[in-house]
Amino acid sequence: MGHLWFIIASFVALTTLTQNVEALVESLPMPSTLLDCFGYKTEVVNVTEIPAQNINAFCIDSFLRLTYKSRFHYNVTDEAMKWVHSLLRGIASKHERHKRQAISPVRRFRNEVRMLTPAQWNQFTGSVNRLKNDQSIPPNRYDALALLHQGIAEASAHGGSNFLGWHAIYLLV
């Protein structure tokens, strides 16, 4: 009986506290670069040929690339952004469209870190240490990637529909 009384009292308290909650919701205009991209893509492309989500992803990714300097980035330097863009270009060139019969897909497996063999663990930690020690990109290559993730992913990919796609590419980098 005491447990039921606690639940009822909690419900009454919560409903009393939430009666005075107010919020201002207002629409914001779509940025002109996004509006132009969507307009151009929907005029030029037939959605039966290219799915609408691909057009959406293309326009949003283009917008994020064009406007990255105007958003908060946890001190990601221009050199780091150029380096990451060069990595992305390398990935894109390896994954261009080919006839399905002409290329066999590369299968990637995510290994649980606790299940790595000693040799795999040494290879992983050696790679991380090489990135940490390479200071050709300030502060170092590992931290540049971490800061990029912290700045961009937290602001756009985390909690959004682009979570899996963004992280799939991030892991390839």
Protein backbone atom coordinates (compact mmCIF):
# COMPACT_ATOMS: atom_id res chain seq x y z
CA MET A 1 0.00 0.00 0.00
CA GLY A 2 2.87 2.38 0.85
CA HIS A 3 4.44 1.76 -2.57
CA LEU A 4 1.18 2.65 -4.36
CA TRP A 5 0.88 5.83 -2.27
CA PHE A 6 4.44 6.84 -3.33
CA ILE A 7 3.59 6.34 -7.02
CA ILE A 8 0.41 8.42 -6.75
CA ALA A 9 2.20 11.19 -4.83
CA SER A 10 5.01 11.23 -7.43
CA PHE A 11 2.50 11.44 -10.28
CA VAL A 12 0.65 14.35 -8.63
CA ALA A 13 3.93 16.17 -7.97
CA LEU A 14 5.12 15.73 -11.55
CA THR A 15 1.84 16.88 -13.08
CA THR A 16 1.82 19.91 -10.78
CA LEU A 17 5.40 20.82 -11.69
CA THR A 18 4.93 20.40 -15.44
CA GLN A 19 1.78 22.51 -15.71
CA ASN A 20 3.82 25.70 -15.88
CA VAL A 21 6.30 24.59 -18.53
CA GLU A 22 6.41 26.87 -21.55
CA ALA A 23 8.46 26.76 -24.73
CA LEU A 24 8.92 28.98 -27.73
CA VAL A 25 9.09 27.07 -30.97
CA GLU A 26 9.76 29.12 -34.03
CA SER A 27 10.69 28.13 -37.52
CA LEU A 28 14.09 29.12 -38.81
CA PRO A 29 14.72 29.82 -42.46
CA MET A 30 16.63 27.15 -44.33
CA PRO A 31 20.15 28.32 -45.22
CA SER A 32 20.31 29.50 -48.83
CA THR A 33 23.10 27.04 -49.74
CA LEU A 34 20.92 24.13 -48.62
CA LEU A 35 17.87 25.55 -50.37
CA ASP A 36 19.85 26.00 -53.60
CA CYS A 37 21.25 22.46 -53.43
CA PHE A 38 17.84 20.87 -52.83
CA GLY A 39 16.30 22.99 -55.57
CA TYR A 40 19.00 22.12 -58.10
CA LYS A 41 19.07 18.42 -57.27
CA THR A 42 15.29 18.02 -57.41
CA GLU A 43 15.12 19.81 -60.78
CA VAL A 44 18.00 17.91 -62.39
CA VAL A 45 17.67 14.45 -60.84
CA ASN A 46 14.82 11.99 -61.11
CA VAL A 47 14.10 10.38 -57.72
CA THR A 48 13.49 7.06 -59.45
CA GLU A 49 17.18 7.11 -60.46
CA ILE A 50 18.66 8.50 -57.23
CA PRO A 51 16.80 7.95 -53.95
CA ALA A 52 15.67 11.07 -52.11
CA GLN A 53 17.75 10.17 -49.04
CA ASN A 54 20.89 10.28 -51.22
CA ILE A 55 19.99 13.78 -52.38
CA ASN A 56 19.33 14.77 -48.76
CA ALA A 57 22.64 13.29 -47.58
CA PHE A 58 24.55 14.95 -50.43
CA CYS A 59 23.10 18.40 -49.76
CA ILE A 60 23.54 18.21 -45.99
CA ASP A 61 27.10 16.87 -46.28
CA SER A 62 27.95 19.62 -48.79
CA PHE A 63 26.46 22.24 -46.48
CA LEU A 64 28.42 20.92 -43.48
CA ARG A 65 31.64 20.90 -45.53
CA LEU A 66 31.09 24.46 -46.78
CA THR A 67 30.19 25.87 -43.38
CA TYR A 68 32.51 23.98 -41.04
CA LYS A 69 34.47 27.14 -40.17
CA SER A 70 31.35 28.86 -38.86
CA ARG A 71 30.59 26.11 -36.34
CA PHE A 72 32.39 25.26 -33.11
CA HIS A 73 35.10 22.67 -33.70
CA TYR A 74 37.14 22.15 -30.56
CA ASN A 75 40.20 23.80 -32.15
CA VAL A 76 40.36 21.64 -35.27
CA THR A 77 43.04 23.33 -37.37
CA ASP A 78 42.86 24.01 -41.10
CA GLU A 79 45.78 21.62 -41.59
CA ALA A 80 43.82 18.87 -39.82
CA MET A 81 40.75 19.52 -41.97
CA LYS A 82 42.87 19.40 -45.15
CA TRP A 83 44.44 16.14 -43.98
CA VAL A 84 41.04 14.58 -43.25
CA HIS A 85 39.72 15.74 -46.65
CA SER A 86 42.73 14.08 -48.31
CA LEU A 87 41.92 10.86 -46.43
CA LEU A 88 38.29 11.09 -47.55
CA ARG A 89 39.34 11.63 -51.18
CA GLY A 90 41.51 8.50 -50.91
CA ILE A 91 38.59 6.50 -49.54
CA ALA A 92 36.24 7.84 -52.23
CA SER A 93 38.65 6.91 -55.02
CA LYS A 94 38.87 3.33 -53.70
CA HIS A 95 35.08 3.01 -53.49
CA GLU A 96 34.02 4.38 -56.86
CA ARG A 97 31.24 2.51 -58.58
CA HIS A 98 32.31 -0.52 -60.57
CA LYS A 99 30.42 -3.26 -62.31
CA ARG A 100 29.43 -5.78 -59.68
CA GLN A 101 31.09 -8.64 -61.53
CA ALA A 102 34.38 -6.78 -61.86
CA ILE A 103 35.08 -6.20 -58.19
CA SER A 104 34.61 -8.27 -55.09
CA PRO A 105 33.52 -6.30 -52.02
CA VAL A 106 36.03 -5.89 -49.22
CA ARG A 107 34.53 -7.29 -46.07
CA ARG A 108 35.43 -5.54 -42.88
CA PHE A 109 34.93 -6.96 -39.43
CA ARG A 110 34.79 -5.10 -36.18
CA ASN A 111 36.72 -7.01 -33.55
CA GLU A 112 35.79 -6.68 -29.91
CA VAL A 113 38.86 -5.17 -28.26
CA ARG A 114 38.73 -7.60 -25.35
CA MET A 115 38.87 -10.54 -27.76
CA LEU A 116 42.00 -9.45 -29.66
CA THR A 117 44.96 -11.77 -29.74
CA PRO A 118 48.21 -10.35 -28.30
CA ALA A 119 49.50 -9.77 -31.86
CA GLN A 120 46.29 -7.92 -32.86
CA TRP A 121 46.43 -5.87 -29.65
CA ASN A 122 50.06 -4.91 -30.34
CA GLN A 123 49.17 -3.93 -33.91
CA PHE A 124 46.24 -1.79 -32.70
CA THR A 125 48.17 -0.03 -29.91
CA GLY A 126 51.15 0.46 -32.23
CA SER A 127 48.89 2.17 -34.79
CA VAL A 128 47.36 4.43 -32.15
CA ASN A 129 50.82 5.30 -30.81
CA ARG A 130 52.08 6.12 -34.33
CA LEU A 131 49.12 8.50 -34.79
CA LYS A 132 49.75 10.06 -31.35
CA ASN A 133 53.47 10.52 -32.06
CA ASP A 134 52.98 11.98 -35.56
CA GLN A 135 52.83 15.72 -34.95
CA SER A 136 52.82 16.74 -38.62
CA ILE A 137 49.19 17.75 -38.01
CA PRO A 138 48.83 19.76 -34.77
CA PRO A 139 48.46 18.67 -32.02
CA ASN A 140 48.95 15.16 -33.47
CA ARG A 141 47.06 13.00 -35.98
CA TYR A 142 45.17 10.98 -33.37
CA ASP A 143 43.94 14.06 -31.49
CA ALA A 144 43.04 15.80 -34.76
CA LEU A 145 40.71 12.90 -35.62
CA ALA A 146 39.32 12.85 -32.07
CA LEU A 147 38.68 16.62 -32.11
CA LEU A 148 36.99 16.34 -35.50
CA HIS A 149 34.71 13.63 -34.14
CA GLN A 150 34.01 15.60 -30.99
CA GLY A 151 33.14 18.77 -32.90
CA ILE A 152 31.25 17.54 -35.94
CA ALA A 153 29.72 14.25 -34.83
CA GLU A 154 28.37 15.60 -31.57
CA ALA A 155 26.81 18.55 -33.41
CA SER A 156 25.35 16.72 -36.40
CA ALA A 157 25.65 12.94 -36.52
CA HIS A 158 24.96 11.98 -32.92
CA GLY A 159 21.24 11.79 -32.29
CA GLY A 160 20.45 12.17 -35.96
CA SER A 161 19.66 10.04 -38.96
CA ASN A 162 23.23 10.30 -40.24
CA PHE A 163 24.75 8.51 -37.22
CA LEU A 164 25.55 5.19 -38.90
CA GLY A 165 26.67 6.65 -42.21
CA TRP A 166 28.95 9.25 -40.62
CA HIS A 167 30.57 6.74 -38.29
CA ALA A 168 31.02 4.15 -41.03
CA ILE A 169 33.11 6.67 -42.99
CA TYR A 170 34.85 7.88 -39.81
CA LEU A 171 35.96 4.32 -39.08
CA LEU A 172 37.36 3.97 -42.60
CA VAL A 173 39.44 7.11 -42.06
